[in-house]
C-alpha atoms as a PDB file:
ATOM      1  CA  UNK A   1      85.781 102.341  77.867  1.00  0.00           C
ATOM      2  CA  UNK A   2      86.830  98.390  76.933  1.00  0.00           C
ATOM      3  CA  UNK A   3      89.556  98.152  74.984  1.00  0.00           C
ATOM      4  CA  UNK A   4      89.938  94.541  75.184  1.00  0.00           C
ATOM      5  CA  UNK A   5      86.774  92.634  75.295  1.00  0.00           C
ATOM      6  CA  UNK A   6      88.084  89.040  75.408  1.00  0.00           C
ATOM      7  CA  UNK A   7      90.340  90.155  78.954  1.00  0.00           C
ATOM      8  CA  UNK A   8      87.828  93.063  79.774  1.00  0.00           C
ATOM      9  CA  UNK A   9      90.858  95.636  80.212  1.00  0.00           C
ATOM     10  CA  UNK A  10      89.448  99.453  80.269  1.00  0.00           C
ATOM     11  CA  UNK A  11      91.800 102.151  78.589  1.00  0.00           C
ATOM     12  CA  UNK A  12      92.188 103.469  81.821  1.00  0.00           C
ATOM     13  CA  UNK A  13      93.575 100.689  83.149  1.00  0.00           C
ATOM     14  CA  UNK A  14      96.203 100.559  80.101  1.00  0.00           C
ATOM     15  CA  UNK A  15      96.680 104.465  80.816  1.00  0.00           C
ATOM     16  CA  UNK A  16      97.375 103.694  84.436  1.00  0.00           C
ATOM     17  CA  UNK A  17     100.315 101.285  83.573  1.00  0.00           C
ATOM     18  CA  UNK A  18     101.673 103.742  81.277  1.00  0.00           C
ATOM     19  CA  UNK A  19     101.811 106.163  83.424  1.00  0.00           C
ATOM     20  CA  UNK A  20     104.238 104.332  85.536  1.00  0.00           C
ATOM     21  CA  UNK A  21     106.624 103.704  82.716  1.00  0.00           C
ATOM     22  CA  UNK A  22     105.484 100.974  81.022  1.00  0.00           C
ATOM     23  CA  UNK A  23     105.768 100.265  77.061  1.00  0.00           C
ATOM     24  CA  UNK A  24     102.976  98.630  74.933  1.00  0.00           C
ATOM     25  CA  UNK A  25     104.807  95.137  75.395  1.00  0.00           C
ATOM     26  CA  UNK A  26     104.899  95.556  79.204  1.00  0.00           C
ATOM     27  CA  UNK A  27     101.702  96.156  78.995  1.00  0.00           C
ATOM     28  CA  UNK A  28     100.342  93.705  77.166  1.00  0.00           C
ATOM     29  CA  UNK A  29     102.152  91.463  79.355  1.00  0.00           C
ATOM     30  CA  UNK A  30     101.204  92.220  82.498  1.00  0.00           C
ATOM     31  CA  UNK A  31      96.832  92.745  81.473  1.00  0.00           C
ATOM     32  CA  UNK A  32      97.068  90.288  78.849  1.00  0.00           C
ATOM     33  CA  UNK A  33      95.749  93.164  76.048  1.00  0.00           C
ATOM     34  CA  UNK A  34      95.549  91.789  72.598  1.00  0.00           C
ATOM     35  CA  UNK A  35      96.749  88.021  73.213  1.00  0.00           C
ATOM     36  CA  UNK A  36      93.574  86.107  72.347  1.00  0.00           C
ATOM     37  CA  UNK A  37      91.752  87.721  69.118  1.00  0.00           C
ATOM     38  CA  UNK A  38      93.500  90.606  68.450  1.00  0.00           C
ATOM     39  CA  UNK A  39      90.780  93.365  67.119  1.00  0.00           C
ATOM     40  CA  UNK A  40      91.912  95.975  70.084  1.00  0.00           C
ATOM     41  CA  UNK A  41      95.295  95.956  69.215  1.00  0.00           C
ATOM     42  CA  UNK A  42      95.340  98.970  67.183  1.00  0.00           C
ATOM     43  CA  UNK A  43      92.913 100.584  69.887  1.00  0.00           C
ATOM     44  CA  UNK A  44      95.776  99.357  72.754  1.00  0.00           C
ATOM     45  CA  UNK A  45      98.279 100.716  70.790  1.00  0.00           C
ATOM     46  CA  UNK A  46      96.369 104.283  70.257  1.00  0.00           C
ATOM     47  CA  UNK A  47      96.042 104.605  74.020  1.00  0.00           C
ATOM     48  CA  UNK A  48      99.617 103.696  74.874  1.00  0.00           C
ATOM     49  CA  UNK A  49     100.646 106.437  72.608  1.00  0.00           C
ATOM     50  CA  UNK A  50      98.405 109.073  73.650  1.00  0.00           C
ATOM     51  CA  UNK A  51      99.783 108.287  76.704  1.00  0.00           C
ATOM     52  CA  UNK A  52     103.111 108.611  76.099  1.00  0.00           C
ATOM     53  CA  UNK A  53     102.965 111.409  74.528  1.00  0.00           C
ATOM     54  CA  UNK A  54     101.251 113.078  77.338  1.00  0.00           C
ATOM     55  CA  UNK A  55     103.276 111.764  79.471  1.00  0.00           C
ATOM     56  CA  UNK A  56     106.702 111.307  78.785  1.00  0.00           C
ATOM     57  CA  UNK A  57     108.966 109.529  81.478  1.00  0.00           C
ATOM     58  CA  UNK A  58     112.170 110.509  79.300  1.00  0.00           C
ATOM     59  CA  UNK A  59     111.379 114.095  79.870  1.00  0.00           C
ATOM     60  CA  UNK A  60     111.189 114.284  83.267  1.00  0.00           C
ATOM     61  CA  UNK A  61     114.709 115.530  85.087  1.00  0.00           C
ATOM     62  CA  UNK A  62     115.796 113.645  87.722  1.00  0.00           C
ATOM     63  CA  UNK A  63     114.124 115.621  89.938  1.00  0.00           C
ATOM     64  CA  UNK A  64     110.987 115.414  89.144  1.00  0.00           C
ATOM     65  CA  UNK A  65     111.044 111.638  88.213  1.00  0.00           C
ATOM     66  CA  UNK A  66     109.104 109.264  90.317  1.00  0.00           C
ATOM     67  CA  UNK A  67     110.686 106.784  92.600  1.00  0.00           C
ATOM     68  CA  UNK A  68     110.639 103.411  91.565  1.00  0.00           C
ATOM     69  CA  UNK A  69     108.964 102.898  94.549  1.00  0.00           C
ATOM     70  CA  UNK A  70     106.282 105.039  93.568  1.00  0.00           C
ATOM     71  CA  UNK A  71     106.169 103.228  90.153  1.00  0.00           C
ATOM     72  CA  UNK A  72     105.863 100.156  91.946  1.00  0.00           C
ATOM     73  CA  UNK A  73     103.118 100.997  93.958  1.00  0.00           C
ATOM     74  CA  UNK A  74     101.223 102.385  91.017  1.00  0.00           C
ATOM     75  CA  UNK A  75     101.620  98.893  89.635  1.00  0.00           C
ATOM     76  CA  UNK A  76     100.879  96.610  92.488  1.00  0.00           C
ATOM     77  CA  UNK A  77      97.431  98.441  93.286  1.00  0.00           C
ATOM     78  CA  UNK A  78      95.812  98.194  89.973  1.00  0.00           C
ATOM     79  CA  UNK A  79      93.368  96.015  89.528  1.00  0.00           C
ATOM     80  CA  UNK A  80      95.172  93.429  87.252  1.00  0.00           C
ATOM     81  CA  UNK A  81      98.424  92.794  89.317  1.00  0.00           C
ATOM     82  CA  UNK A  82      96.328  92.441  92.483  1.00  0.00           C
ATOM     83  CA  UNK A  83      93.817  89.827  90.182  1.00  0.00           C
ATOM     84  CA  UNK A  84      97.136  87.775  89.002  1.00  0.00           C
ATOM     85  CA  UNK A  85      98.535  87.898  92.216  1.00  0.00           C
ATOM     86  CA  UNK A  86      95.106  85.941  93.688  1.00  0.00           C
ATOM     87  CA  UNK A  87      95.056  83.543  90.955  1.00  0.00           C
ATOM     88  CA  UNK A  88      98.366  82.445  91.617  1.00  0.00           C
ATOM     89  CA  UNK A  89      97.755  81.851  95.072  1.00  0.00           C
ATOM     90  CA  UNK A  90      94.489  79.816  94.618  1.00  0.00           C
END
């Protein structure tokens, strides 16, 4: 489902970033969600809260915590990361 129409950001993209360990502010900075008209902010925050509650990073033990390399890979594989890299090089 598209959460942010202005930036065309889906709930799946937001969830992927939250599962990679990002907060709402970090997701907002990375994807641009809730930075234009602001109508999607409450829905985007709800998606972040639901994903944070279902995958709490802080509750992981050190042994089961994903490495920073895995988190970086998850972020750099996202469409938002790739599109921002392409636009920067253009």
